[in-house]
């Protein structure tokens, strides 16, 4: 008899249906500076979270700590950027243990492109984002290969 163990998997889903709670109730967030929830979302139901950089809005999750060290991971989101800056970073997800190389994970629109970075090193997509369009984005990190890949998809019907 051969027994295999599946790798440990943590799945987190923030639906933003009126709050910043994780669907499972484990990684619940705190909304900072009153972001708004707009309904319906992309699919025609549910909600979406609107964050305004000028108001320094975000969602912060402090406990439990999500340990991303020494592991492979995938993050994905549907985004609808209303403004795209050619000289600024708009964070989508970030986590820092310390402000040092390989201690911070950033998933962001940076100068108009999707980037996944570990502080200073990372990968960038080839698609330049434009405002007022839906994008399905994903960042994948393979720990075994030390490989980072970003994916950008624009649906056929983009505009609200």
C-alpha atoms as a PDB file:
ATOM      1  CA  UNK A   1       0.000   0.000   0.000  1.00  0.00           C
ATOM      2  CA  UNK A   2       1.254   3.434  -0.921  1.00  0.00           C
ATOM      3  CA  UNK A   3       0.061   6.462   1.001  1.00  0.00           C
ATOM      4  CA  UNK A   4       0.527   9.991  -0.237  1.00  0.00           C
ATOM      5  CA  UNK A   5      -0.242  13.189   1.585  1.00  0.00           C
ATOM      6  CA  UNK A   6      -1.670  16.145  -0.238  1.00  0.00           C
ATOM      7  CA  UNK A   7       0.245  19.359   0.336  1.00  0.00           C
ATOM      8  CA  UNK A   8      -1.244  21.755   2.873  1.00  0.00           C
ATOM      9  CA  UNK A   9      -3.452  24.291   1.134  1.00  0.00           C
ATOM     10  CA  UNK A  10      -4.831  27.535   2.503  1.00  0.00           C
ATOM     11  CA  UNK A  11      -7.664  29.021   0.510  1.00  0.00           C
ATOM     12  CA  UNK A  12      -8.841  32.531   1.272  1.00  0.00           C
ATOM     13  CA  UNK A  13     -11.730  34.262  -0.457  1.00  0.00           C
ATOM     14  CA  UNK A  14     -12.694  37.853   0.178  1.00  0.00           C
ATOM     15  CA  UNK A  15     -16.039  38.384  -1.565  1.00  0.00           C
ATOM     16  CA  UNK A  16     -16.418  42.015  -0.362  1.00  0.00           C
ATOM     17  CA  UNK A  17     -20.178  41.563  -0.115  1.00  0.00           C
ATOM     18  CA  UNK A  18     -20.618  44.542   2.191  1.00  0.00           C
ATOM     19  CA  UNK A  19     -17.658  43.765   4.456  1.00  0.00           C
ATOM     20  CA  UNK A  20     -13.983  42.770   4.425  1.00  0.00           C
ATOM     21  CA  UNK A  21     -14.482  39.315   5.923  1.00  0.00           C
ATOM     22  CA  UNK A  22     -12.982  36.147   4.489  1.00  0.00           C
ATOM     23  CA  UNK A  23     -15.669  33.725   3.251  1.00  0.00           C
ATOM     24  CA  UNK A  24     -14.488  31.128   5.803  1.00  0.00           C
ATOM     25  CA  UNK A  25     -14.420  33.684   8.635  1.00  0.00           C
ATOM     26  CA  UNK A  26     -10.724  33.048   9.381  1.00  0.00           C
ATOM     27  CA  UNK A  27      -8.813  35.868   7.617  1.00  0.00           C
ATOM     28  CA  UNK A  28     -11.248  38.698   8.295  1.00  0.00           C
ATOM     29  CA  UNK A  29     -10.110  42.189   7.345  1.00  0.00           C
ATOM     30  CA  UNK A  30     -10.588  45.638   8.774  1.00  0.00           C
ATOM     31  CA  UNK A  31     -11.552  48.346   6.303  1.00  0.00           C
ATOM     32  CA  UNK A  32      -9.318  51.425   6.649  1.00  0.00           C
ATOM     33  CA  UNK A  33     -10.606  54.941   5.841  1.00  0.00           C
ATOM     34  CA  UNK A  34     -14.099  53.842   4.818  1.00  0.00           C
ATOM     35  CA  UNK A  35     -13.807  52.174   1.403  1.00  0.00           C
ATOM     36  CA  UNK A  36     -17.138  51.656  -0.337  1.00  0.00           C
ATOM     37  CA  UNK A  37     -18.900  48.495  -1.452  1.00  0.00           C
ATOM     38  CA  UNK A  38     -20.641  48.765  -4.813  1.00  0.00           C
ATOM     39  CA  UNK A  39     -23.331  46.375  -5.974  1.00  0.00           C
ATOM     40  CA  UNK A  40     -23.647  44.594  -8.284  1.00  0.00           C
ATOM     41  CA  UNK A  41     -20.146  43.278  -8.879  1.00  0.00           C
ATOM     42  CA  UNK A  42     -18.668  42.077 -12.167  1.00  0.00           C
ATOM     43  CA  UNK A  43     -20.940  39.042 -12.405  1.00  0.00           C
ATOM     44  CA  UNK A  44     -24.144  41.045 -11.938  1.00  0.00           C
ATOM     45  CA  UNK A  45     -24.621  40.023  -8.312  1.00  0.00           C
ATOM     46  CA  UNK A  46     -22.666  40.438  -5.103  1.00  0.00           C
ATOM     47  CA  UNK A  47     -20.489  43.469  -4.486  1.00  0.00           C
ATOM     48  CA  UNK A  48     -17.108  44.889  -5.270  1.00  0.00           C
ATOM     49  CA  UNK A  49     -14.786  46.893  -3.071  1.00  0.00           C
ATOM     50  CA  UNK A  50     -13.863  50.389  -4.226  1.00  0.00           C
ATOM     51  CA  UNK A  51     -10.551  51.656  -2.869  1.00  0.00           C
ATOM     52  CA  UNK A  52      -9.418  55.216  -3.535  1.00  0.00           C
ATOM     53  CA  UNK A  53      -5.680  55.801  -3.323  1.00  0.00           C
ATOM     54  CA  UNK A  54      -6.126  59.521  -2.681  1.00  0.00           C
ATOM     55  CA  UNK A  55      -8.018  58.605   0.510  1.00  0.00           C
ATOM     56  CA  UNK A  56      -5.407  56.007   1.532  1.00  0.00           C
ATOM     57  CA  UNK A  57      -8.083  53.299   1.711  1.00  0.00           C
ATOM     58  CA  UNK A  58      -7.227  49.646   2.231  1.00  0.00           C
ATOM     59  CA  UNK A  59      -8.164  46.420   3.984  1.00  0.00           C
ATOM     60  CA  UNK A  60      -5.819  45.142   6.688  1.00  0.00           C
ATOM     61  CA  UNK A  61      -5.719  41.561   7.964  1.00  0.00           C
ATOM     62  CA  UNK A  62      -3.609  41.177  11.098  1.00  0.00           C
ATOM     63  CA  UNK A  63      -4.558  37.801  12.591  1.00  0.00           C
ATOM     64  CA  UNK A  64      -4.068  35.019  12.079  1.00  0.00           C
ATOM     65  CA  UNK A  65      -0.706  35.585  10.424  1.00  0.00           C
ATOM     66  CA  UNK A  66      -0.596  34.182   6.898  1.00  0.00           C
ATOM     67  CA  UNK A  67       2.789  32.478   6.676  1.00  0.00           C
ATOM     68  CA  UNK A  68       3.919  32.594   3.034  1.00  0.00           C
ATOM     69  CA  UNK A  69       7.547  31.634   3.742  1.00  0.00           C
ATOM     70  CA  UNK A  70       9.040  28.692   1.856  1.00  0.00           C
ATOM     71  CA  UNK A  71       5.862  27.941  -0.063  1.00  0.00           C
ATOM     72  CA  UNK A  72       4.347  28.154  -3.514  1.00  0.00           C
ATOM     73  CA  UNK A  73       1.311  30.374  -3.920  1.00  0.00           C
ATOM     74  CA  UNK A  74      -1.269  31.734  -6.329  1.00  0.00           C
ATOM     75  CA  UNK A  75      -3.222  34.961  -5.907  1.00  0.00           C
ATOM     76  CA  UNK A  76      -5.935  36.124  -8.251  1.00  0.00           C
ATOM     77  CA  UNK A  77      -8.447  38.949  -8.422  1.00  0.00           C
ATOM     78  CA  UNK A  78     -10.888  40.761 -10.645  1.00  0.00           C
ATOM     79  CA  UNK A  79      -9.981  44.453 -10.776  1.00  0.00           C
ATOM     80  CA  UNK A  80     -11.482  47.523 -12.424  1.00  0.00           C
ATOM     81  CA  UNK A  81      -8.903  50.332 -12.227  1.00  0.00           C
ATOM     82  CA  UNK A  82     -10.572  53.721 -12.561  1.00  0.00           C
ATOM     83  CA  UNK A  83      -7.208  55.457 -12.894  1.00  0.00           C
ATOM     84  CA  UNK A  84      -3.908  54.024 -14.064  1.00  0.00           C
ATOM     85  CA  UNK A  85      -0.793  55.916 -13.061  1.00  0.00           C
ATOM     86  CA  UNK A  86       2.340  55.781 -15.184  1.00  0.00           C
ATOM     87  CA  UNK A  87       4.581  56.634 -12.230  1.00  0.00           C
ATOM     88  CA  UNK A  88       3.022  55.099  -9.093  1.00  0.00           C
ATOM     89  CA  UNK A  89       2.260  51.745  -7.495  1.00  0.00           C
ATOM     90  CA  UNK A  90      -1.297  50.766  -6.619  1.00  0.00           C
ATOM     91  CA  UNK A  91      -1.123  47.808  -4.271  1.00  0.00           C
ATOM     92  CA  UNK A  92      -3.529  44.900  -4.686  1.00  0.00           C
ATOM     93  CA  UNK A  93      -2.039  42.661  -1.987  1.00  0.00           C
ATOM     94  CA  UNK A  94       1.065  43.039   0.127  1.00  0.00           C
ATOM     95  CA  UNK A  95       2.613  41.398   3.144  1.00  0.00           C
ATOM     96  CA  UNK A  96       5.862  42.362   4.856  1.00  0.00           C
ATOM     97  CA  UNK A  97       7.855  40.712   7.603  1.00  0.00           C
ATOM     98  CA  UNK A  98      10.589  43.350   7.316  1.00  0.00           C
ATOM     99  CA  UNK A  99      11.479  46.045   4.782  1.00  0.00           C
ATOM    100  CA  UNK A 100      14.265  43.979   3.229  1.00  0.00           C
ATOM    101  CA  UNK A 101      14.863  42.006   0.036  1.00  0.00           C
ATOM    102  CA  UNK A 102      12.737  38.843  -0.106  1.00  0.00           C
ATOM    103  CA  UNK A 103      10.830  39.804   3.056  1.00  0.00           C
ATOM    104  CA  UNK A 104       7.934  41.666   1.385  1.00  0.00           C
ATOM    105  CA  UNK A 105       5.484  40.292  -1.141  1.00  0.00           C
ATOM    106  CA  UNK A 106       3.786  42.870  -3.382  1.00  0.00           C
ATOM    107  CA  UNK A 107       1.103  42.221  -5.973  1.00  0.00           C
ATOM    108  CA  UNK A 108       0.444  45.627  -7.591  1.00  0.00           C
ATOM    109  CA  UNK A 109      -0.295  47.750 -10.600  1.00  0.00           C
ATOM    110  CA  UNK A 110       3.037  49.493 -10.946  1.00  0.00           C
ATOM    111  CA  UNK A 111       3.471  52.179 -13.576  1.00  0.00           C
ATOM    112  CA  UNK A 112       0.476  50.713 -15.408  1.00  0.00           C
ATOM    113  CA  UNK A 113       1.630  47.051 -15.440  1.00  0.00           C
ATOM    114  CA  UNK A 114       0.875  44.085 -13.196  1.00  0.00           C
ATOM    115  CA  UNK A 115       3.871  43.211 -11.032  1.00  0.00           C
ATOM    116  CA  UNK A 116       4.649  40.556  -8.471  1.00  0.00           C
ATOM    117  CA  UNK A 117       7.660  41.418  -6.372  1.00  0.00           C
ATOM    118  CA  UNK A 118       9.522  40.222  -3.342  1.00  0.00           C
ATOM    119  CA  UNK A 119      10.648  43.701  -2.250  1.00  0.00           C
ATOM    120  CA  UNK A 120      13.083  44.576  -5.090  1.00  0.00           C
ATOM    121  CA  UNK A 121      13.015  41.502  -7.335  1.00  0.00           C
ATOM    122  CA  UNK A 122      10.058  40.202  -9.290  1.00  0.00           C
ATOM    123  CA  UNK A 123       8.215  39.812 -12.553  1.00  0.00           C
ATOM    124  CA  UNK A 124       6.093  42.138 -14.647  1.00  0.00           C
ATOM    125  CA  UNK A 125       3.322  41.474 -17.130  1.00  0.00           C
ATOM    126  CA  UNK A 126       3.417  42.788 -20.698  1.00  0.00           C
ATOM    127  CA  UNK A 127      -0.134  44.195 -20.695  1.00  0.00           C
ATOM    128  CA  UNK A 128      -0.446  47.928 -20.082  1.00  0.00           C
ATOM    129  CA  UNK A 129      -3.632  48.571 -18.132  1.00  0.00           C
ATOM    130  CA  UNK A 130      -6.161  51.177 -19.210  1.00  0.00           C
ATOM    131  CA  UNK A 131      -8.792  52.736 -16.956  1.00  0.00           C
ATOM    132  CA  UNK A 132     -12.417  51.626 -16.737  1.00  0.00           C
ATOM    133  CA  UNK A 133     -11.970  48.038 -17.913  1.00  0.00           C
ATOM    134  CA  UNK A 134     -12.303  44.752 -16.052  1.00  0.00           C
ATOM    135  CA  UNK A 135      -9.214  42.555 -15.772  1.00  0.00           C
ATOM    136  CA  UNK A 136      -8.781  39.092 -14.324  1.00  0.00           C
ATOM    137  CA  UNK A 137      -5.283  38.954 -12.871  1.00  0.00           C
ATOM    138  CA  UNK A 138      -3.170  36.285 -11.204  1.00  0.00           C
ATOM    139  CA  UNK A 139       0.318  35.971  -9.787  1.00  0.00           C
ATOM    140  CA  UNK A 140       1.947  32.587  -9.268  1.00  0.00           C
ATOM    141  CA  UNK A 141       5.103  31.831  -7.303  1.00  0.00           C
ATOM    142  CA  UNK A 142       6.669  28.363  -7.523  1.00  0.00           C
ATOM    143  CA  UNK A 143       8.941  28.012  -4.500  1.00  0.00           C
ATOM    144  CA  UNK A 144      10.699  24.882  -5.822  1.00  0.00           C
ATOM    145  CA  UNK A 145      11.705  26.606  -9.076  1.00  0.00           C
ATOM    146  CA  UNK A 146      11.954  30.151  -7.632  1.00  0.00           C
ATOM    147  CA  UNK A 147       9.750  31.194 -10.552  1.00  0.00           C
ATOM    148  CA  UNK A 148       7.295  34.092 -10.637  1.00  0.00           C
ATOM    149  CA  UNK A 149       4.645  34.473 -13.343  1.00  0.00           C
ATOM    150  CA  UNK A 150       1.916  37.093 -13.763  1.00  0.00           C
ATOM    151  CA  UNK A 151      -1.225  36.600 -15.830  1.00  0.00           C
ATOM    152  CA  UNK A 152      -3.645  39.201 -17.199  1.00  0.00           C
ATOM    153  CA  UNK A 153      -6.911  38.444 -18.967  1.00  0.00           C
ATOM    154  CA  UNK A 154      -9.367  40.984 -20.329  1.00  0.00           C
ATOM    155  CA  UNK A 155     -12.887  39.649 -20.851  1.00  0.00           C
ATOM    156  CA  UNK A 156     -14.675  40.234 -24.134  1.00  0.00           C
ATOM    157  CA  UNK A 157     -17.275  42.549 -22.533  1.00  0.00           C
ATOM    158  CA  UNK A 158     -15.009  44.891 -20.560  1.00  0.00           C
ATOM    159  CA  UNK A 159     -16.903  48.007 -19.781  1.00  0.00           C
ATOM    160  CA  UNK A 160     -19.499  48.632 -17.104  1.00  0.00           C
END
